[in-house]
């Protein structure tokens, strides 16, 4: 793919993802994505060096990162939907759900299984202090959003969710059954099944 078609496709993608964003916001995202691809680093100083005037680029980047009008949750949802729109129209859609921890931030991640790889599709971040006595509720809310909003164009009968034993509780199973989604959840060794 040549540079011109790459830039055109990126611009079209940003416009589709952020239809309500102001032109300057779209331009900033475009410029910083190009810089990220070129320098292959998230270091602000390296990104600023990509542009001619480093001081102006740093100020512009700082303003963009602090911009409250850009709704991160909305952008993440739109990006996930764009990925889902590229899925084949038939066949199973395999998803893996798991927690990952970075310092004091916990990420609940839904990844799309592509062959033997897991491609992050959708995630939510929580502070460690927010999780006490709320973790299971956050998991159920996350899966409900995943199935009804992110994967809304994919029949629940095609969806297969896998997760580890931390997700193995009756309320979680009931939610997945109510949503009509198939699931494989690892459980502890000595589980008694009633009935």
N, C-alpha and C. Protein backbone atom coordinates (compact mmCIF):
# COMPACT_ATOMS: atom_id res chain seq x y z
N UNK A 1 0.85 -1.16 0.00
CA UNK A 1 0.00 0.00 0.00
C UNK A 1 0.90 1.24 0.00
N UNK A 2 0.63 2.17 -0.92
CA UNK A 2 1.46 3.37 -0.96
C UNK A 2 1.03 4.37 0.11
N UNK A 3 1.87 5.36 0.36
CA UNK A 3 1.61 6.34 1.42
C UNK A 3 0.31 7.09 1.21
N UNK A 4 0.01 7.43 -0.04
CA UNK A 4 -1.19 8.21 -0.34
C UNK A 4 -2.45 7.43 0.02
N UNK A 5 -2.53 6.15 -0.38
CA UNK A 5 -3.72 5.36 -0.07
C UNK A 5 -3.80 5.08 1.43
N UNK A 6 -2.65 4.92 2.09
CA UNK A 6 -2.63 4.72 3.54
C UNK A 6 -3.23 5.94 4.24
N UNK A 7 -2.80 7.13 3.84
CA UNK A 7 -3.30 8.36 4.45
C UNK A 7 -4.79 8.53 4.18
N UNK A 8 -5.23 8.20 2.97
CA UNK A 8 -6.65 8.32 2.63
C UNK A 8 -7.48 7.36 3.47
N UNK A 9 -7.02 6.12 3.59
CA UNK A 9 -7.77 5.14 4.38
C UNK A 9 -7.80 5.52 5.85
N UNK A 10 -6.70 6.03 6.37
CA UNK A 10 -6.66 6.47 7.77
C UNK A 10 -7.63 7.62 7.99
N UNK A 11 -7.64 8.57 7.07
CA UNK A 11 -8.55 9.71 7.18
C UNK A 11 -10.01 9.25 7.14
N UNK A 12 -10.33 8.34 6.23
CA UNK A 12 -11.69 7.80 6.15
C UNK A 12 -12.07 7.07 7.43
N UNK A 13 -11.14 6.32 7.98
CA UNK A 13 -11.39 5.58 9.22
C UNK A 13 -11.67 6.54 10.38
N UNK A 14 -10.85 7.56 10.53
CA UNK A 14 -11.04 8.54 11.61
C UNK A 14 -12.37 9.26 11.44
N UNK A 15 -12.72 9.64 10.23
CA UNK A 15 -14.00 10.31 9.99
C UNK A 15 -15.17 9.40 10.33
N UNK A 16 -15.06 8.11 10.02
CA UNK A 16 -16.12 7.16 10.35
C UNK A 16 -16.23 6.93 11.85
N UNK A 17 -15.09 6.89 12.54
CA UNK A 17 -15.08 6.62 13.97
C UNK A 17 -15.54 7.82 14.79
N UNK A 18 -15.27 9.01 14.30
CA UNK A 18 -15.57 10.23 15.05
C UNK A 18 -16.42 11.19 14.23
N UNK A 19 -17.65 10.80 13.88
CA UNK A 19 -18.46 11.68 13.04
C UNK A 19 -18.81 13.01 13.70
N UNK A 20 -18.84 13.03 15.03
CA UNK A 20 -19.20 14.28 15.73
C UNK A 20 -17.99 15.11 16.13
N UNK A 21 -16.79 14.62 15.84
CA UNK A 21 -15.58 15.36 16.23
C UNK A 21 -15.36 16.56 15.32
N UNK A 22 -14.80 17.60 15.89
CA UNK A 22 -14.46 18.81 15.16
C UNK A 22 -13.31 18.50 14.20
N UNK A 23 -13.20 19.26 13.13
CA UNK A 23 -12.16 19.04 12.13
C UNK A 23 -10.75 19.07 12.69
N UNK A 24 -10.49 20.00 13.63
CA UNK A 24 -9.16 20.08 14.24
C UNK A 24 -8.85 18.84 15.07
N UNK A 25 -9.88 18.29 15.73
CA UNK A 25 -9.68 17.07 16.51
C UNK A 25 -9.32 15.90 15.60
N UNK A 26 -10.04 15.79 14.49
CA UNK A 26 -9.75 14.72 13.54
C UNK A 26 -8.34 14.86 12.97
N UNK A 27 -7.97 16.09 12.65
CA UNK A 27 -6.63 16.35 12.09
C UNK A 27 -5.56 15.98 13.11
N UNK A 28 -5.79 16.32 14.39
CA UNK A 28 -4.81 15.98 15.43
C UNK A 28 -4.66 14.47 15.57
N UNK A 29 -5.77 13.76 15.57
CA UNK A 29 -5.71 12.30 15.67
C UNK A 29 -4.96 11.73 14.47
N UNK A 30 -5.29 12.22 13.29
CA UNK A 30 -4.61 11.77 12.07
C UNK A 30 -3.10 11.99 12.19
N UNK A 31 -2.71 13.20 12.56
CA UNK A 31 -1.28 13.53 12.65
C UNK A 31 -0.57 12.65 13.68
N UNK A 32 -1.19 12.45 14.84
CA UNK A 32 -0.52 11.67 15.88
C UNK A 32 -0.49 10.17 15.56
N UNK A 33 -1.49 9.67 14.84
CA UNK A 33 -1.43 8.26 14.41
C UNK A 33 -0.30 8.08 13.40
N UNK A 34 -0.18 9.01 12.46
CA UNK A 34 0.93 8.95 11.50
C UNK A 34 2.26 8.97 12.24
N UNK A 35 2.37 9.84 13.25
CA UNK A 35 3.61 9.93 14.04
C UNK A 35 3.87 8.63 14.80
N UNK A 36 2.82 8.05 15.40
CA UNK A 36 2.97 6.78 16.12
C UNK A 36 3.48 5.67 15.21
N UNK A 37 2.93 5.60 14.02
CA UNK A 37 3.36 4.58 13.07
C UNK A 37 4.80 4.83 12.64
N UNK A 38 5.14 6.08 12.42
CA UNK A 38 6.49 6.41 11.93
C UNK A 38 7.57 6.17 12.99
N UNK A 39 7.33 6.64 14.23
CA UNK A 39 8.39 6.53 15.25
C UNK A 39 8.28 5.25 16.07
N UNK A 40 7.13 4.57 16.00
CA UNK A 40 6.87 3.32 16.71
C UNK A 40 7.18 3.44 18.20
N UNK A 41 6.69 4.54 18.78
CA UNK A 41 6.87 4.78 20.21
C UNK A 41 5.74 5.67 20.70
N UNK A 42 5.38 5.50 21.97
CA UNK A 42 4.37 6.37 22.59
C UNK A 42 5.03 7.47 23.41
N UNK A 43 6.32 7.55 23.38
CA UNK A 43 7.06 8.59 24.11
C UNK A 43 6.73 9.95 23.51
N UNK A 44 6.23 10.87 24.34
CA UNK A 44 5.82 12.18 23.84
C UNK A 44 6.96 12.93 23.18
N UNK A 45 8.15 12.83 23.72
CA UNK A 45 9.30 13.53 23.14
C UNK A 45 9.61 13.00 21.74
N UNK A 46 9.56 11.68 21.57
CA UNK A 46 9.82 11.10 20.25
C UNK A 46 8.73 11.50 19.25
N UNK A 47 7.48 11.52 19.72
CA UNK A 47 6.40 11.95 18.84
C UNK A 47 6.59 13.40 18.42
N UNK A 48 6.99 14.25 19.36
CA UNK A 48 7.19 15.67 19.05
C UNK A 48 8.31 15.87 18.04
N UNK A 49 9.36 15.05 18.14
CA UNK A 49 10.49 15.16 17.20
C UNK A 49 10.08 14.85 15.76
N UNK A 50 9.01 14.09 15.61
CA UNK A 50 8.52 13.74 14.28
C UNK A 50 8.05 14.99 13.53
N UNK A 51 7.53 15.96 14.27
CA UNK A 51 7.03 17.19 13.67
C UNK A 51 8.15 18.22 13.61
N UNK A 52 8.02 19.21 12.75
CA UNK A 52 9.07 20.21 12.58
C UNK A 52 9.35 21.02 13.83
N UNK A 53 8.33 21.59 14.43
CA UNK A 53 8.48 22.44 15.60
C UNK A 53 8.14 21.61 16.85
N UNK A 54 9.17 21.16 17.55
CA UNK A 54 8.96 20.24 18.69
C UNK A 54 8.16 20.88 19.81
N UNK A 55 8.44 22.13 20.12
CA UNK A 55 7.73 22.80 21.21
C UNK A 55 6.24 22.91 20.90
N UNK A 56 5.92 23.32 19.69
CA UNK A 56 4.51 23.44 19.29
C UNK A 56 3.85 22.06 19.27
N UNK A 57 4.58 21.05 18.81
CA UNK A 57 4.03 19.70 18.76
C UNK A 57 3.74 19.16 20.16
N UNK A 58 4.62 19.43 21.11
CA UNK A 58 4.38 18.99 22.50
C UNK A 58 3.15 19.66 23.08
N UNK A 59 2.99 20.96 22.83
CA UNK A 59 1.81 21.67 23.33
C UNK A 59 0.54 21.12 22.69
N UNK A 60 0.61 20.87 21.39
CA UNK A 60 -0.54 20.35 20.67
C UNK A 60 -0.91 18.95 21.18
N UNK A 61 0.09 18.12 21.40
CA UNK A 61 -0.15 16.78 21.93
C UNK A 61 -0.76 16.84 23.33
N UNK A 62 -0.23 17.71 24.17
CA UNK A 62 -0.75 17.85 25.54
C UNK A 62 -2.21 18.31 25.51
N UNK A 63 -2.54 19.27 24.66
CA UNK A 63 -3.93 19.75 24.54
C UNK A 63 -4.84 18.62 24.07
N UNK A 64 -4.36 17.86 23.10
CA UNK A 64 -5.16 16.78 22.55
C UNK A 64 -5.41 15.69 23.60
N UNK A 65 -4.39 15.33 24.36
CA UNK A 65 -4.54 14.30 25.39
C UNK A 65 -5.48 14.72 26.51
N UNK A 66 -5.57 16.02 26.78
CA UNK A 66 -6.44 16.53 27.84
C UNK A 66 -7.83 16.93 27.35
N UNK A 67 -8.10 16.78 26.08
CA UNK A 67 -9.35 17.25 25.50
C UNK A 67 -10.52 16.42 26.04
N UNK A 68 -11.37 17.06 26.82
CA UNK A 68 -12.50 16.37 27.43
C UNK A 68 -13.63 16.11 26.45
N UNK A 69 -13.61 16.78 25.30
CA UNK A 69 -14.67 16.57 24.31
C UNK A 69 -14.50 15.25 23.56
N UNK A 70 -13.30 14.68 23.61
CA UNK A 70 -13.10 13.37 23.01
C UNK A 70 -13.45 12.31 24.04
N UNK A 71 -14.54 11.62 23.83
CA UNK A 71 -15.02 10.60 24.77
C UNK A 71 -14.30 9.28 24.48
N UNK A 72 -13.41 8.89 25.37
CA UNK A 72 -12.60 7.69 25.17
C UNK A 72 -13.48 6.44 25.08
N UNK A 73 -14.50 6.35 25.92
CA UNK A 73 -15.38 5.18 25.89
C UNK A 73 -16.12 5.10 24.56
N UNK A 74 -16.57 6.23 24.05
CA UNK A 74 -17.26 6.27 22.76
C UNK A 74 -16.32 5.86 21.62
N UNK A 75 -15.10 6.35 21.68
CA UNK A 75 -14.10 6.01 20.66
C UNK A 75 -13.76 4.52 20.69
N UNK A 76 -13.61 3.96 21.90
CA UNK A 76 -13.30 2.53 22.03
C UNK A 76 -14.44 1.67 21.48
N UNK A 77 -15.68 2.08 21.77
CA UNK A 77 -16.84 1.34 21.28
C UNK A 77 -16.93 1.42 19.76
N UNK A 78 -16.71 2.60 19.20
CA UNK A 78 -16.75 2.76 17.75
C UNK A 78 -15.66 1.95 17.06
N UNK A 79 -14.48 1.94 17.65
CA UNK A 79 -13.37 1.17 17.07
C UNK A 79 -13.68 -0.33 17.11
N UNK A 80 -14.21 -0.80 18.23
CA UNK A 80 -14.57 -2.22 18.35
C UNK A 80 -15.64 -2.59 17.33
N UNK A 81 -16.63 -1.71 17.14
CA UNK A 81 -17.68 -1.99 16.15
C UNK A 81 -17.12 -2.04 14.74
N UNK A 82 -16.15 -1.18 14.45
CA UNK A 82 -15.52 -1.20 13.12
C UNK A 82 -14.80 -2.52 12.89
N UNK A 83 -14.17 -3.06 13.92
CA UNK A 83 -13.50 -4.36 13.80
C UNK A 83 -14.53 -5.46 13.59
N UNK A 84 -15.62 -5.41 14.36
CA UNK A 84 -16.67 -6.42 14.25
C UNK A 84 -17.30 -6.40 12.85
N UNK A 85 -17.41 -5.22 12.26
CA UNK A 85 -17.99 -5.10 10.91
C UNK A 85 -17.15 -5.83 9.86
N UNK A 86 -15.88 -6.10 10.17
CA UNK A 86 -14.99 -6.79 9.23
C UNK A 86 -15.05 -8.31 9.37
N UNK A 87 -15.80 -8.81 10.36
CA UNK A 87 -15.87 -10.26 10.58
C UNK A 87 -16.66 -10.94 9.47
N UNK A 88 -16.35 -12.21 9.19
CA UNK A 88 -17.14 -12.96 8.20
C UNK A 88 -18.60 -13.04 8.64
N UNK A 89 -19.50 -13.17 7.68
CA UNK A 89 -20.93 -13.19 7.98
C UNK A 89 -21.40 -14.52 8.55
N UNK A 90 -20.58 -15.56 8.43
CA UNK A 90 -20.96 -16.86 8.97
C UNK A 90 -19.82 -17.43 9.79
N UNK A 91 -20.15 -18.46 10.55
CA UNK A 91 -19.14 -19.13 11.37
C UNK A 91 -19.07 -18.56 12.77
N UNK A 92 -18.41 -19.29 13.66
CA UNK A 92 -18.33 -18.86 15.05
C UNK A 92 -17.43 -17.63 15.23
N UNK A 93 -17.77 -16.84 16.22
CA UNK A 93 -16.95 -15.70 16.64
C UNK A 93 -16.49 -16.02 18.05
N UNK A 94 -15.20 -16.36 18.17
CA UNK A 94 -14.65 -16.79 19.46
C UNK A 94 -14.05 -15.60 20.19
N UNK A 95 -14.41 -15.47 21.46
CA UNK A 95 -13.93 -14.37 22.29
C UNK A 95 -13.35 -14.91 23.58
N UNK A 96 -12.28 -14.31 24.03
CA UNK A 96 -11.68 -14.66 25.32
C UNK A 96 -11.79 -13.43 26.22
N UNK A 97 -12.25 -13.65 27.44
CA UNK A 97 -12.39 -12.56 28.40
C UNK A 97 -11.46 -12.84 29.58
N UNK A 98 -10.70 -11.82 29.97
CA UNK A 98 -9.77 -12.00 31.08
C UNK A 98 -9.39 -10.65 31.66
N UNK A 99 -8.87 -10.69 32.86
CA UNK A 99 -8.33 -9.51 33.53
C UNK A 99 -6.83 -9.44 33.30
N UNK A 100 -6.32 -8.24 33.16
CA UNK A 100 -4.88 -8.02 33.13
C UNK A 100 -4.59 -6.82 34.03
N UNK A 101 -3.42 -6.80 34.63
CA UNK A 101 -3.09 -5.77 35.62
C UNK A 101 -1.85 -5.01 35.18
N UNK A 102 -1.96 -3.69 35.19
CA UNK A 102 -0.83 -2.78 34.93
C UNK A 102 -0.75 -1.84 36.13
N UNK A 103 0.26 -2.01 36.96
CA UNK A 103 0.41 -1.22 38.19
C UNK A 103 -0.85 -1.34 39.03
N UNK A 104 -1.55 -0.22 39.28
CA UNK A 104 -2.77 -0.27 40.10
C UNK A 104 -4.02 -0.26 39.24
N UNK A 105 -3.85 -0.34 37.93
CA UNK A 105 -5.00 -0.33 37.03
C UNK A 105 -5.28 -1.75 36.55
N UNK A 106 -6.53 -2.14 36.65
CA UNK A 106 -6.96 -3.46 36.21
C UNK A 106 -7.77 -3.30 34.93
N UNK A 107 -7.44 -4.08 33.92
CA UNK A 107 -8.14 -4.02 32.65
C UNK A 107 -8.94 -5.30 32.44
N UNK A 108 -10.21 -5.15 32.16
CA UNK A 108 -11.05 -6.27 31.78
C UNK A 108 -11.09 -6.24 30.25
N UNK A 109 -10.58 -7.30 29.62
CA UNK A 109 -10.36 -7.29 28.17
C UNK A 109 -11.13 -8.42 27.50
N UNK A 110 -11.81 -8.08 26.41
CA UNK A 110 -12.41 -9.08 25.53
C UNK A 110 -11.57 -9.11 24.27
N UNK A 111 -11.02 -10.28 23.97
CA UNK A 111 -10.16 -10.43 22.79
C UNK A 111 -10.83 -11.34 21.78
N UNK A 112 -10.67 -10.98 20.52
CA UNK A 112 -11.18 -11.78 19.42
C UNK A 112 -10.15 -12.84 19.09
N UNK A 113 -10.55 -14.09 19.07
CA UNK A 113 -9.64 -15.19 18.78
C UNK A 113 -9.54 -15.34 17.26
N UNK A 114 -8.33 -15.15 16.75
CA UNK A 114 -8.07 -15.28 15.32
C UNK A 114 -6.97 -16.33 15.18
N UNK A 115 -7.36 -17.54 14.79
CA UNK A 115 -6.40 -18.65 14.78
C UNK A 115 -5.96 -18.91 16.21
N UNK A 116 -4.66 -18.85 16.44
CA UNK A 116 -4.12 -19.06 17.79
C UNK A 116 -3.83 -17.75 18.50
N UNK A 117 -4.18 -16.66 17.89
CA UNK A 117 -3.90 -15.34 18.47
C UNK A 117 -5.15 -14.74 19.09
N UNK A 118 -4.93 -13.89 20.09
CA UNK A 118 -6.01 -13.15 20.72
C UNK A 118 -5.78 -11.67 20.42
N UNK A 119 -6.71 -11.06 19.70
CA UNK A 119 -6.60 -9.65 19.32
C UNK A 119 -7.53 -8.85 20.22
N UNK A 120 -7.00 -7.93 21.04
CA UNK A 120 -7.87 -7.14 21.92
C UNK A 120 -8.94 -6.41 21.11
N UNK A 121 -10.18 -6.57 21.52
CA UNK A 121 -11.30 -5.97 20.82
C UNK A 121 -11.92 -4.84 21.63
N UNK A 122 -12.11 -5.08 22.92
CA UNK A 122 -12.83 -4.13 23.76
C UNK A 122 -12.33 -4.29 25.18
N UNK A 123 -12.19 -3.19 25.90
CA UNK A 123 -11.72 -3.29 27.28
C UNK A 123 -12.25 -2.13 28.10
N UNK A 124 -12.21 -2.35 29.40
CA UNK A 124 -12.56 -1.31 30.37
C UNK A 124 -11.48 -1.32 31.45
N UNK A 125 -11.14 -0.14 31.93
CA UNK A 125 -10.11 0.00 32.96
C UNK A 125 -10.77 0.35 34.29
N UNK A 126 -10.25 -0.22 35.35
CA UNK A 126 -10.73 0.03 36.71
C UNK A 126 -9.53 0.21 37.63
N UNK A 127 -9.69 1.10 38.59
CA UNK A 127 -8.65 1.23 39.62
C UNK A 127 -8.84 0.07 40.61
N UNK A 128 -7.74 -0.32 41.22
CA UNK A 128 -7.78 -1.42 42.18
C UNK A 128 -8.78 -1.13 43.30
N UNK A 129 -8.85 0.12 43.73
CA UNK A 129 -9.75 0.49 44.82
C UNK A 129 -11.23 0.37 44.44
N UNK A 130 -11.55 0.37 43.14
CA UNK A 130 -12.93 0.27 42.68
C UNK A 130 -13.45 -1.17 42.66
N UNK A 131 -12.56 -2.14 42.73
CA UNK A 131 -12.95 -3.52 42.49
C UNK A 131 -13.53 -4.25 43.70
N UNK A 132 -13.18 -3.82 44.90
CA UNK A 132 -13.60 -4.55 46.09
C UNK A 132 -15.13 -4.66 46.13
N UNK A 133 -15.61 -5.89 46.19
CA UNK A 133 -17.03 -6.23 46.25
C UNK A 133 -17.82 -5.80 45.02
N UNK A 134 -17.15 -5.38 43.95
CA UNK A 134 -17.85 -4.95 42.73
C UNK A 134 -17.39 -5.70 41.49
N UNK A 135 -16.37 -6.49 41.63
CA UNK A 135 -15.73 -7.11 40.47
C UNK A 135 -16.71 -7.93 39.63
N UNK A 136 -17.49 -8.79 40.25
CA UNK A 136 -18.44 -9.63 39.50
C UNK A 136 -19.48 -8.79 38.78
N UNK A 137 -19.93 -7.73 39.43
CA UNK A 137 -20.88 -6.81 38.79
C UNK A 137 -20.29 -6.14 37.57
N UNK A 138 -19.04 -5.71 37.68
CA UNK A 138 -18.35 -5.10 36.53
C UNK A 138 -18.21 -6.11 35.39
N UNK A 139 -17.91 -7.36 35.73
CA UNK A 139 -17.77 -8.40 34.70
C UNK A 139 -19.08 -8.62 33.96
N UNK A 140 -20.19 -8.70 34.69
CA UNK A 140 -21.49 -8.91 34.06
C UNK A 140 -21.88 -7.70 33.19
N UNK A 141 -21.65 -6.50 33.70
CA UNK A 141 -21.94 -5.28 32.94
C UNK A 141 -21.10 -5.24 31.66
N UNK A 142 -19.83 -5.61 31.77
CA UNK A 142 -18.91 -5.62 30.63
C UNK A 142 -19.39 -6.59 29.56
N UNK A 143 -19.75 -7.81 29.96
CA UNK A 143 -20.19 -8.82 28.99
C UNK A 143 -21.51 -8.41 28.35
N UNK A 144 -22.39 -7.82 29.13
CA UNK A 144 -23.66 -7.35 28.58
C UNK A 144 -23.40 -6.28 27.51
N UNK A 145 -22.51 -5.32 27.79
CA UNK A 145 -22.15 -4.29 26.81
C UNK A 145 -21.48 -4.93 25.59
N UNK A 146 -20.61 -5.88 25.82
CA UNK A 146 -19.90 -6.56 24.73
C UNK A 146 -20.89 -7.21 23.77
N UNK A 147 -21.83 -7.98 24.32
CA UNK A 147 -22.75 -8.74 23.48
C UNK A 147 -23.82 -7.85 22.84
N UNK A 148 -24.37 -6.90 23.60
CA UNK A 148 -25.50 -6.11 23.09
C UNK A 148 -25.10 -4.85 22.33
N UNK A 149 -23.91 -4.31 22.58
CA UNK A 149 -23.51 -3.08 21.90
C UNK A 149 -22.34 -3.28 20.94
N UNK A 150 -21.29 -3.95 21.38
CA UNK A 150 -20.12 -4.15 20.52
C UNK A 150 -20.43 -5.17 19.43
N UNK A 151 -21.00 -6.29 19.82
CA UNK A 151 -21.28 -7.39 18.89
C UNK A 151 -22.74 -7.41 18.44
N UNK A 152 -23.39 -6.26 18.47
CA UNK A 152 -24.83 -6.20 18.18
C UNK A 152 -25.17 -6.71 16.78
N UNK A 153 -24.24 -6.63 15.83
CA UNK A 153 -24.49 -7.09 14.46
C UNK A 153 -24.20 -8.59 14.28
N UNK A 154 -23.69 -9.24 15.32
CA UNK A 154 -23.36 -10.66 15.26
C UNK A 154 -24.38 -11.44 16.08
N UNK A 155 -25.01 -12.42 15.48
CA UNK A 155 -25.99 -13.23 16.20
C UNK A 155 -25.36 -13.85 17.45
N UNK A 156 -26.05 -13.78 18.59
CA UNK A 156 -25.50 -14.40 19.81
C UNK A 156 -25.22 -15.89 19.63
N UNK A 157 -25.95 -16.55 18.72
CA UNK A 157 -25.72 -17.98 18.48
C UNK A 157 -24.35 -18.25 17.88
N UNK A 158 -23.75 -17.24 17.23
CA UNK A 158 -22.41 -17.40 16.64
C UNK A 158 -21.31 -17.14 17.66
N UNK A 159 -21.63 -16.50 18.76
CA UNK A 159 -20.63 -16.07 19.73
C UNK A 159 -20.30 -17.20 20.71
N UNK A 160 -19.00 -17.38 20.94
CA UNK A 160 -18.52 -18.34 21.93
C UNK A 160 -17.54 -17.60 22.84
N UNK A 161 -17.89 -17.50 24.10
CA UNK A 161 -17.05 -16.79 25.07
C UNK A 161 -16.29 -17.80 25.92
N UNK A 162 -14.99 -17.60 26.04
CA UNK A 162 -14.18 -18.43 26.94
C UNK A 162 -13.59 -17.54 28.02
N UNK A 163 -13.48 -18.11 29.21
CA UNK A 163 -12.91 -17.36 30.34
C UNK A 163 -12.36 -18.35 31.35
N UNK A 164 -11.55 -17.85 32.27
CA UNK A 164 -10.97 -18.73 33.28
C UNK A 164 -11.90 -18.86 34.48
N UNK A 165 -11.45 -19.59 35.48
CA UNK A 165 -12.34 -19.94 36.60
C UNK A 165 -12.73 -18.76 37.47
N UNK A 166 -12.06 -17.63 37.37
CA UNK A 166 -12.46 -16.46 38.15
C UNK A 166 -13.86 -15.98 37.74
N UNK A 167 -14.29 -16.33 36.53
CA UNK A 167 -15.60 -15.93 36.03
C UNK A 167 -16.69 -16.97 36.31
N UNK A 168 -16.32 -18.08 36.90
CA UNK A 168 -17.25 -19.20 37.09
C UNK A 168 -18.15 -18.95 38.30
N UNK A 169 -19.24 -18.23 38.06
CA UNK A 169 -20.26 -18.11 39.10
C UNK A 169 -21.65 -18.18 38.45
N UNK A 170 -22.63 -18.52 39.24
CA UNK A 170 -23.98 -18.79 38.74
C UNK A 170 -24.56 -17.56 38.04
N UNK A 171 -24.39 -16.38 38.62
CA UNK A 171 -24.96 -15.17 38.00
C UNK A 171 -24.34 -14.91 36.63
N UNK A 172 -23.05 -15.17 36.48
CA UNK A 172 -22.39 -14.98 35.19
C UNK A 172 -22.93 -15.99 34.17
N UNK A 173 -23.08 -17.25 34.58
CA UNK A 173 -23.64 -18.27 33.69
C UNK A 173 -25.07 -17.91 33.28
N UNK A 174 -25.87 -17.45 34.25
CA UNK A 174 -27.25 -17.06 33.95
C UNK A 174 -27.30 -15.93 32.93
N UNK A 175 -26.40 -14.95 33.09
CA UNK A 175 -26.36 -13.83 32.14
C UNK A 175 -26.04 -14.34 30.73
N UNK A 176 -25.02 -15.18 30.61
CA UNK A 176 -24.65 -15.71 29.30
C UNK A 176 -25.80 -16.51 28.68
N UNK A 177 -26.49 -17.30 29.50
CA UNK A 177 -27.66 -18.04 29.00
C UNK A 177 -28.76 -17.09 28.56
N UNK A 178 -29.03 -16.05 29.35
CA UNK A 178 -30.06 -15.06 28.99
C UNK A 178 -29.71 -14.33 27.69
N UNK A 179 -28.43 -14.08 27.47
CA UNK A 179 -27.99 -13.40 26.24
C UNK A 179 -27.97 -14.35 25.04
N UNK A 180 -28.07 -15.65 25.29
CA UNK A 180 -28.08 -16.64 24.21
C UNK A 180 -26.71 -16.94 23.64
N UNK A 181 -25.67 -16.71 24.44
CA UNK A 181 -24.29 -16.89 24.00
C UNK A 181 -23.75 -18.23 24.50
N UNK A 182 -23.03 -18.94 23.63
CA UNK A 182 -22.36 -20.17 24.07
C UNK A 182 -21.12 -19.78 24.86
N UNK A 183 -20.72 -20.64 25.79
CA UNK A 183 -19.55 -20.30 26.60
C UNK A 183 -18.82 -21.53 27.07
N UNK A 184 -17.53 -21.34 27.30
CA UNK A 184 -16.66 -22.35 27.89
C UNK A 184 -15.92 -21.63 29.01
N UNK A 185 -16.27 -21.97 30.25
CA UNK A 185 -15.66 -21.34 31.42
C UNK A 185 -14.97 -22.43 32.23
N UNK A 186 -13.69 -22.26 32.46
CA UNK A 186 -12.97 -23.23 33.28
C UNK A 186 -13.50 -23.12 34.71
N UNK A 187 -13.61 -24.25 35.39
CA UNK A 187 -14.08 -24.21 36.78
C UNK A 187 -13.13 -25.00 37.67
N UNK A 188 -13.35 -24.87 38.95
CA UNK A 188 -12.52 -25.58 39.92
C UNK A 188 -12.77 -27.08 39.79
N UNK A 189 -11.82 -27.87 40.29
CA UNK A 189 -11.88 -29.32 40.14
C UNK A 189 -13.05 -30.01 40.80
N UNK A 190 -13.46 -29.58 41.97
CA UNK A 190 -14.49 -30.29 42.72
C UNK A 190 -15.76 -29.45 42.76
N UNK A 191 -16.50 -29.46 41.68
CA UNK A 191 -17.75 -28.71 41.59
C UNK A 191 -18.89 -29.71 41.62
N UNK A 192 -19.84 -29.50 42.52
CA UNK A 192 -21.03 -30.34 42.58
C UNK A 192 -22.12 -29.69 41.76
N UNK A 193 -22.74 -30.47 40.91
CA UNK A 193 -23.80 -29.96 40.06
C UNK A 193 -25.13 -30.39 40.66
N UNK A 194 -26.00 -29.42 40.92
CA UNK A 194 -27.30 -29.73 41.48
C UNK A 194 -28.24 -30.19 40.37
N UNK A 195 -29.09 -31.16 40.70
CA UNK A 195 -30.11 -31.61 39.75
C UNK A 195 -29.65 -32.60 38.85
